[in-house]
Amino acid sequence: MYTTYTFARNLFDEIADSAFGNHNTTGLMNTDIRETEKGFEMAVDLPGVQKENVSAELKDGYLHISATISRSSDPEEGKSRYLRRERFVGTMRRTFYVGDKVTQEDIHARFQNGVLCIFIPKKQQPALEEKKLIAIED
């Protein structure tokens, strides 16, 4: 599994985070995955995201989850200035390998209170072919 975020950070913040051991740089799309007898239950935190701005797509055995957060249009925006803006605005995406046997119809998702809950059933995957190494002589 890998994560990609589109997120601009101040160089000083990056240096301070690495110097003081803060490895959770964005806190976005934190995901819990729990295995049950029947499958896997995912809970993806998406605070501040509206349901219509969340999408999940299954392609080539990978589940792609994306969400977009936009800045609300504030009529007072031009009358003041921000000293610091830390809330994320933009698109975030995570991808999880779920296997080639899982179909779109197998996956069930719901979005409630800023949490995307996804159920992925267990499917039999073909066994990986055992490596057959060839001895190399001197």
N, C-alpha and C. Protein backbone atom coordinates (compact mmCIF):
# COMPACT_ATOMS: atom_id res chain seq x y z
N MET A 1 0.84 -1.17 0.00
CA MET A 1 0.00 0.00 0.00
C MET A 1 0.89 1.24 0.00
N TYR A 2 0.44 2.22 -0.73
CA TYR A 2 1.19 3.45 -0.72
C TYR A 2 0.23 4.62 -0.68
N THR A 3 0.75 5.74 -0.30
CA THR A 3 -0.07 6.92 -0.15
C THR A 3 0.54 8.07 -0.92
N THR A 4 -0.31 8.84 -1.60
CA THR A 4 0.18 10.06 -2.21
C THR A 4 -0.72 11.20 -1.79
N TYR A 5 -0.14 12.28 -1.40
CA TYR A 5 -0.89 13.47 -1.02
C TYR A 5 -0.36 14.64 -1.83
N THR A 6 -1.25 15.47 -2.24
CA THR A 6 -0.86 16.73 -2.84
C THR A 6 -0.93 17.75 -1.72
N PHE A 7 0.21 18.10 -1.17
CA PHE A 7 0.21 18.93 0.03
C PHE A 7 1.49 19.74 0.07
N ALA A 8 1.35 21.05 0.03
CA ALA A 8 2.54 21.92 0.09
C ALA A 8 2.85 22.24 1.54
N ARG A 9 4.10 22.09 1.92
CA ARG A 9 4.50 22.38 3.30
C ARG A 9 5.67 23.34 3.32
N ASN A 10 5.74 24.08 4.36
CA ASN A 10 6.82 25.02 4.58
C ASN A 10 8.10 24.23 4.86
N LEU A 11 9.21 24.63 4.27
CA LEU A 11 10.48 23.93 4.45
C LEU A 11 10.86 23.85 5.92
N PHE A 12 10.62 24.92 6.68
CA PHE A 12 10.94 24.89 8.10
C PHE A 12 10.15 23.81 8.82
N ASP A 13 8.85 23.66 8.48
CA ASP A 13 8.02 22.63 9.11
C ASP A 13 8.57 21.25 8.82
N GLU A 14 9.03 21.02 7.58
CA GLU A 14 9.59 19.71 7.21
C GLU A 14 10.83 19.41 8.06
N ILE A 15 11.70 20.40 8.19
CA ILE A 15 12.93 20.20 8.95
C ILE A 15 12.60 19.96 10.43
N ALA A 16 11.69 20.76 10.98
CA ALA A 16 11.32 20.61 12.39
C ALA A 16 10.67 19.26 12.64
N ASP A 17 9.80 18.81 11.75
CA ASP A 17 9.15 17.52 11.92
C ASP A 17 10.17 16.39 11.93
N SER A 18 11.12 16.41 11.00
CA SER A 18 12.09 15.33 10.95
C SER A 18 13.05 15.40 12.14
N ALA A 19 13.38 16.60 12.59
CA ALA A 19 14.29 16.75 13.72
C ALA A 19 13.67 16.28 15.02
N PHE A 20 12.34 16.46 15.16
CA PHE A 20 11.69 16.10 16.41
C PHE A 20 10.88 14.83 16.30
N GLY A 21 11.04 14.08 15.20
CA GLY A 21 10.45 12.76 15.11
C GLY A 21 8.99 12.70 14.73
N ASN A 22 8.41 13.74 14.17
CA ASN A 22 7.01 13.71 13.75
C ASN A 22 6.95 13.11 12.35
N HIS A 23 6.53 11.85 12.25
CA HIS A 23 6.50 11.17 10.96
C HIS A 23 5.13 11.17 10.32
N ASN A 24 4.08 11.54 11.05
CA ASN A 24 2.74 11.63 10.48
C ASN A 24 2.57 13.05 9.97
N THR A 25 3.05 13.30 8.76
CA THR A 25 3.18 14.67 8.27
C THR A 25 1.86 15.33 7.95
N THR A 26 0.86 14.61 7.53
CA THR A 26 -0.35 15.28 7.12
C THR A 26 -1.56 14.92 7.96
N GLY A 27 -1.64 13.73 8.49
CA GLY A 27 -2.80 13.32 9.26
C GLY A 27 -4.04 13.12 8.40
N LEU A 28 -3.85 12.98 7.11
CA LEU A 28 -4.97 12.84 6.18
C LEU A 28 -5.20 11.39 5.81
N MET A 29 -6.45 11.04 5.65
CA MET A 29 -6.85 9.70 5.22
C MET A 29 -6.27 8.59 6.09
N ASN A 30 -6.21 8.82 7.38
CA ASN A 30 -5.76 7.75 8.28
C ASN A 30 -6.72 6.58 8.12
N THR A 31 -6.18 5.38 8.02
CA THR A 31 -6.98 4.21 7.69
C THR A 31 -6.70 3.07 8.66
N ASP A 32 -7.78 2.48 9.16
CA ASP A 32 -7.69 1.25 9.95
C ASP A 32 -8.22 0.12 9.06
N ILE A 33 -7.53 -1.01 9.06
CA ILE A 33 -7.98 -2.19 8.30
C ILE A 33 -8.05 -3.34 9.28
N ARG A 34 -9.25 -3.93 9.38
CA ARG A 34 -9.46 -5.04 10.31
C ARG A 34 -9.86 -6.27 9.51
N GLU A 35 -9.21 -7.39 9.83
CA GLU A 35 -9.53 -8.66 9.17
C GLU A 35 -10.57 -9.40 9.99
N THR A 36 -11.60 -9.91 9.31
CA THR A 36 -12.61 -10.75 9.95
C THR A 36 -12.60 -12.09 9.21
N GLU A 37 -13.46 -13.01 9.64
CA GLU A 37 -13.53 -14.30 8.96
C GLU A 37 -13.96 -14.16 7.50
N LYS A 38 -14.85 -13.21 7.24
CA LYS A 38 -15.42 -13.07 5.90
C LYS A 38 -14.68 -12.09 5.00
N GLY A 39 -13.89 -11.20 5.58
CA GLY A 39 -13.22 -10.22 4.73
C GLY A 39 -12.46 -9.18 5.52
N PHE A 40 -12.34 -8.01 4.92
CA PHE A 40 -11.58 -6.92 5.50
C PHE A 40 -12.48 -5.70 5.63
N GLU A 41 -12.41 -5.05 6.77
CA GLU A 41 -13.18 -3.84 7.02
C GLU A 41 -12.22 -2.68 7.13
N MET A 42 -12.44 -1.68 6.29
CA MET A 42 -11.60 -0.49 6.28
C MET A 42 -12.39 0.69 6.83
N ALA A 43 -11.74 1.52 7.61
CA ALA A 43 -12.32 2.77 8.07
C ALA A 43 -11.32 3.87 7.72
N VAL A 44 -11.73 4.77 6.82
CA VAL A 44 -10.86 5.83 6.32
C VAL A 44 -11.38 7.17 6.85
N ASP A 45 -10.57 7.86 7.62
CA ASP A 45 -10.96 9.17 8.15
C ASP A 45 -10.89 10.22 7.06
N LEU A 46 -12.01 10.92 6.85
CA LEU A 46 -12.07 12.00 5.86
C LEU A 46 -12.78 13.21 6.48
N PRO A 47 -12.19 13.81 7.51
CA PRO A 47 -12.84 14.94 8.16
C PRO A 47 -12.96 16.13 7.22
N GLY A 48 -14.12 16.77 7.25
CA GLY A 48 -14.34 17.95 6.43
C GLY A 48 -14.68 17.67 4.98
N VAL A 49 -14.80 16.41 4.61
CA VAL A 49 -15.10 16.04 3.23
C VAL A 49 -16.60 15.72 3.11
N GLN A 50 -17.21 16.21 2.05
CA GLN A 50 -18.61 15.91 1.78
C GLN A 50 -18.69 14.61 0.98
N LYS A 51 -19.77 13.85 1.16
CA LYS A 51 -19.94 12.56 0.50
C LYS A 51 -19.79 12.66 -1.01
N GLU A 52 -20.31 13.74 -1.61
CA GLU A 52 -20.24 13.88 -3.06
C GLU A 52 -18.82 14.14 -3.57
N ASN A 53 -17.89 14.42 -2.66
CA ASN A 53 -16.49 14.64 -3.04
C ASN A 53 -15.59 13.45 -2.74
N VAL A 54 -16.21 12.29 -2.47
CA VAL A 54 -15.46 11.06 -2.19
C VAL A 54 -15.73 10.08 -3.32
N SER A 55 -14.68 9.41 -3.78
CA SER A 55 -14.89 8.36 -4.79
C SER A 55 -14.00 7.16 -4.49
N ALA A 56 -14.51 6.00 -4.85
CA ALA A 56 -13.77 4.75 -4.71
C ALA A 56 -13.89 4.02 -6.04
N GLU A 57 -12.76 3.56 -6.56
CA GLU A 57 -12.74 2.90 -7.86
C GLU A 57 -11.87 1.65 -7.77
N LEU A 58 -12.35 0.57 -8.36
CA LEU A 58 -11.60 -0.68 -8.41
C LEU A 58 -11.06 -0.83 -9.83
N LYS A 59 -9.74 -0.98 -9.93
CA LYS A 59 -9.13 -1.13 -11.26
C LYS A 59 -7.89 -2.02 -11.15
N ASP A 60 -7.89 -3.10 -11.90
CA ASP A 60 -6.74 -4.02 -11.98
C ASP A 60 -6.31 -4.54 -10.61
N GLY A 61 -7.28 -4.82 -9.73
CA GLY A 61 -6.97 -5.37 -8.42
C GLY A 61 -6.62 -4.34 -7.37
N TYR A 62 -6.67 -3.06 -7.72
CA TYR A 62 -6.36 -1.99 -6.79
C TYR A 62 -7.60 -1.17 -6.50
N LEU A 63 -7.82 -0.87 -5.23
CA LEU A 63 -8.90 0.00 -4.80
C LEU A 63 -8.32 1.40 -4.63
N HIS A 64 -8.80 2.34 -5.44
CA HIS A 64 -8.34 3.73 -5.39
C HIS A 64 -9.41 4.56 -4.68
N ILE A 65 -9.01 5.23 -3.62
CA ILE A 65 -9.93 6.10 -2.88
C ILE A 65 -9.41 7.52 -3.01
N SER A 66 -10.28 8.43 -3.41
CA SER A 66 -9.88 9.82 -3.49
C SER A 66 -10.95 10.71 -2.88
N ALA A 67 -10.51 11.86 -2.39
CA ALA A 67 -11.41 12.83 -1.76
C ALA A 67 -10.88 14.23 -2.04
N THR A 68 -11.81 15.15 -2.20
CA THR A 68 -11.46 16.54 -2.48
C THR A 68 -12.06 17.43 -1.41
N ILE A 69 -11.23 18.31 -0.88
CA ILE A 69 -11.69 19.31 0.08
C ILE A 69 -11.44 20.67 -0.57
N SER A 70 -12.50 21.47 -0.65
CA SER A 70 -12.34 22.81 -1.22
C SER A 70 -12.56 23.86 -0.14
N ARG A 71 -11.94 24.98 -0.35
CA ARG A 71 -12.07 26.08 0.60
C ARG A 71 -13.42 26.74 0.38
N SER A 72 -14.13 26.99 1.46
CA SER A 72 -15.43 27.64 1.34
C SER A 72 -15.23 29.09 0.91
N SER A 73 -16.15 29.60 0.14
CA SER A 73 -16.04 30.98 -0.31
C SER A 73 -16.57 31.90 0.80
N ASP A 74 -15.67 32.67 1.36
CA ASP A 74 -15.99 33.56 2.46
C ASP A 74 -16.02 34.99 1.93
N PRO A 75 -17.15 35.70 2.07
CA PRO A 75 -17.21 37.06 1.55
C PRO A 75 -16.24 38.01 2.26
N GLU A 76 -15.78 37.66 3.45
CA GLU A 76 -14.84 38.49 4.21
C GLU A 76 -13.38 38.18 3.85
N GLU A 77 -13.15 37.26 2.93
CA GLU A 77 -11.80 36.78 2.60
C GLU A 77 -10.83 37.92 2.28
N GLY A 78 -11.24 38.87 1.49
CA GLY A 78 -10.34 39.94 1.07
C GLY A 78 -10.11 41.01 2.12
N LYS A 79 -10.87 41.00 3.19
CA LYS A 79 -10.79 42.05 4.20
C LYS A 79 -9.82 41.72 5.34
N SER A 80 -9.29 40.54 5.32
CA SER A 80 -8.35 40.16 6.37
C SER A 80 -7.27 39.29 5.75
N ARG A 81 -6.29 38.97 6.55
CA ARG A 81 -5.24 38.07 6.06
C ARG A 81 -4.99 36.99 7.09
N TYR A 82 -4.62 35.82 6.59
CA TYR A 82 -4.33 34.70 7.47
C TYR A 82 -2.88 34.80 7.94
N LEU A 83 -2.66 34.50 9.19
CA LEU A 83 -1.31 34.41 9.71
C LEU A 83 -0.77 33.00 9.53
N ARG A 84 -1.68 32.03 9.50
CA ARG A 84 -1.30 30.63 9.29
C ARG A 84 -2.51 29.88 8.78
N ARG A 85 -2.29 29.02 7.80
CA ARG A 85 -3.35 28.16 7.27
C ARG A 85 -2.84 26.74 7.30
N GLU A 86 -3.45 25.90 8.12
CA GLU A 86 -3.00 24.51 8.26
C GLU A 86 -4.02 23.51 7.76
N ARG A 87 -5.25 23.93 7.55
CA ARG A 87 -6.26 22.98 7.09
C ARG A 87 -6.02 22.66 5.63
N PHE A 88 -6.08 21.38 5.33
CA PHE A 88 -5.81 20.89 3.98
C PHE A 88 -6.90 21.32 3.01
N VAL A 89 -6.50 21.74 1.83
CA VAL A 89 -7.40 22.04 0.73
C VAL A 89 -6.78 21.40 -0.51
N GLY A 90 -7.56 20.57 -1.19
CA GLY A 90 -7.06 19.92 -2.39
C GLY A 90 -7.59 18.50 -2.50
N THR A 91 -6.88 17.69 -3.25
CA THR A 91 -7.28 16.30 -3.47
C THR A 91 -6.26 15.37 -2.84
N MET A 92 -6.78 14.35 -2.16
CA MET A 92 -5.91 13.33 -1.58
C MET A 92 -6.35 11.97 -2.12
N ARG A 93 -5.41 11.04 -2.14
CA ARG A 93 -5.69 9.74 -2.75
C ARG A 93 -4.88 8.67 -2.06
N ARG A 94 -5.51 7.51 -1.87
CA ARG A 94 -4.81 6.33 -1.37
C ARG A 94 -5.18 5.15 -2.24
N THR A 95 -4.27 4.22 -2.34
CA THR A 95 -4.49 3.03 -3.16
C THR A 95 -4.13 1.81 -2.34
N PHE A 96 -5.00 0.79 -2.42
CA PHE A 96 -4.79 -0.47 -1.70
C PHE A 96 -4.94 -1.62 -2.68
N TYR A 97 -4.03 -2.58 -2.61
CA TYR A 97 -4.16 -3.79 -3.43
C TYR A 97 -5.15 -4.72 -2.75
N VAL A 98 -6.22 -5.10 -3.46
CA VAL A 98 -7.24 -5.98 -2.88
C VAL A 98 -7.31 -7.32 -3.60
N GLY A 99 -6.58 -7.49 -4.67
CA GLY A 99 -6.54 -8.76 -5.39
C GLY A 99 -7.34 -8.72 -6.68
N ASP A 100 -6.93 -9.54 -7.63
CA ASP A 100 -7.57 -9.58 -8.95
C ASP A 100 -8.93 -10.26 -8.94
N LYS A 101 -9.23 -11.05 -7.92
CA LYS A 101 -10.49 -11.79 -7.88
C LYS A 101 -11.66 -10.97 -7.34
N VAL A 102 -11.38 -9.86 -6.67
CA VAL A 102 -12.43 -9.01 -6.10
C VAL A 102 -13.05 -8.19 -7.22
N THR A 103 -14.39 -8.15 -7.25
CA THR A 103 -15.10 -7.36 -8.25
C THR A 103 -15.75 -6.15 -7.59
N GLN A 104 -16.17 -5.23 -8.41
CA GLN A 104 -16.83 -4.02 -7.92
C GLN A 104 -18.08 -4.37 -7.12
N GLU A 105 -18.81 -5.39 -7.57
CA GLU A 105 -20.04 -5.80 -6.89
C GLU A 105 -19.76 -6.39 -5.51
N ASP A 106 -18.57 -6.91 -5.28
CA ASP A 106 -18.21 -7.52 -3.99
C ASP A 106 -17.99 -6.48 -2.89
N ILE A 107 -17.58 -5.28 -3.28
CA ILE A 107 -17.18 -4.25 -2.32
C ILE A 107 -18.39 -3.42 -1.92
N HIS A 108 -18.53 -3.21 -0.61
CA HIS A 108 -19.63 -2.39 -0.09
C HIS A 108 -19.04 -1.22 0.70
N ALA A 109 -19.57 -0.01 0.45
CA ALA A 109 -19.05 1.18 1.12
C ALA A 109 -20.19 2.05 1.62
N ARG A 110 -19.89 2.76 2.73
CA ARG A 110 -20.82 3.76 3.24
C ARG A 110 -19.99 4.89 3.84
N PHE A 111 -20.57 6.09 3.81
CA PHE A 111 -19.89 7.27 4.32
C PHE A 111 -20.75 7.89 5.40
N GLN A 112 -20.19 7.98 6.61
CA GLN A 112 -20.97 8.46 7.74
C GLN A 112 -20.07 9.22 8.70
N ASN A 113 -20.48 10.45 9.05
CA ASN A 113 -19.75 11.26 10.03
C ASN A 113 -18.27 11.43 9.70
N GLY A 114 -17.95 11.63 8.43
CA GLY A 114 -16.57 11.86 8.03
C GLY A 114 -15.70 10.62 7.97
N VAL A 115 -16.32 9.43 8.02
CA VAL A 115 -15.56 8.18 7.95
C VAL A 115 -16.12 7.34 6.80
N LEU A 116 -15.24 6.93 5.89
CA LEU A 116 -15.61 6.04 4.80
C LEU A 116 -15.35 4.61 5.26
N CYS A 117 -16.42 3.80 5.35
CA CYS A 117 -16.31 2.40 5.78
C CYS A 117 -16.48 1.52 4.55
N ILE A 118 -15.52 0.63 4.33
CA ILE A 118 -15.53 -0.23 3.16
C ILE A 118 -15.36 -1.67 3.62
N PHE A 119 -16.18 -2.57 3.05
CA PHE A 119 -16.03 -4.01 3.31
C PHE A 119 -15.57 -4.68 2.03
N ILE A 120 -14.50 -5.45 2.13
CA ILE A 120 -13.95 -6.20 1.00
C ILE A 120 -13.92 -7.67 1.40
N PRO A 121 -14.68 -8.53 0.69
CA PRO A 121 -14.69 -9.95 1.07
C PRO A 121 -13.38 -10.63 0.72
N LYS A 122 -13.10 -11.71 1.44
CA LYS A 122 -11.92 -12.52 1.12
C LYS A 122 -12.25 -13.34 -0.11
N LYS A 123 -11.35 -13.38 -1.04
CA LYS A 123 -11.49 -14.18 -2.25
C LYS A 123 -10.23 -15.02 -2.38
N GLN A 124 -10.40 -16.23 -2.88
CA GLN A 124 -9.24 -17.09 -3.09
C GLN A 124 -8.39 -16.53 -4.21
N GLN A 125 -7.16 -16.27 -3.89
CA GLN A 125 -6.19 -15.80 -4.88
C GLN A 125 -5.35 -17.00 -5.31
N PRO A 126 -4.96 -17.04 -6.56
CA PRO A 126 -4.09 -18.15 -6.96
C PRO A 126 -2.79 -18.11 -6.18
N ALA A 127 -2.31 -19.30 -5.83
CA ALA A 127 -1.06 -19.39 -5.07
C ALA A 127 0.08 -18.82 -5.90
N LEU A 128 0.96 -18.11 -5.23
CA LEU A 128 2.13 -17.58 -5.93
C LEU A 128 3.03 -18.74 -6.32
N GLU A 129 3.56 -18.64 -7.50
CA GLU A 129 4.45 -19.70 -7.98
C GLU A 129 5.73 -19.68 -7.16
N GLU A 130 6.11 -20.86 -6.69
CA GLU A 130 7.32 -20.98 -5.90
C GLU A 130 8.53 -20.71 -6.78
N LYS A 131 9.48 -19.96 -6.23
CA LYS A 131 10.70 -19.67 -6.98
C LYS A 131 11.50 -20.94 -7.15
N LYS A 132 11.95 -21.17 -8.35
CA LYS A 132 12.77 -22.34 -8.64
C LYS A 132 14.14 -21.82 -9.05
N LEU A 133 15.01 -21.71 -8.06
CA LEU A 133 16.32 -21.17 -8.29
C LEU A 133 17.24 -22.19 -8.94
N ILE A 134 18.06 -21.72 -9.80
CA ILE A 134 19.04 -22.56 -10.48
C ILE A 134 20.37 -22.39 -9.78
N ALA A 135 20.99 -23.51 -9.45
CA ALA A 135 22.28 -23.47 -8.78
C ALA A 135 23.33 -22.93 -9.74
N ILE A 136 24.16 -22.05 -9.23
CA ILE A 136 25.23 -21.47 -10.05
C ILE A 136 26.55 -22.06 -9.54
N GLU A 137 27.22 -22.74 -10.45
CA GLU A 137 28.47 -23.42 -10.09
C GLU A 137 29.66 -22.49 -10.25
N ASP A 138 30.73 -22.80 -9.52
CA ASP A 138 31.99 -22.04 -9.63
C ASP A 138 32.69 -22.36 -10.90
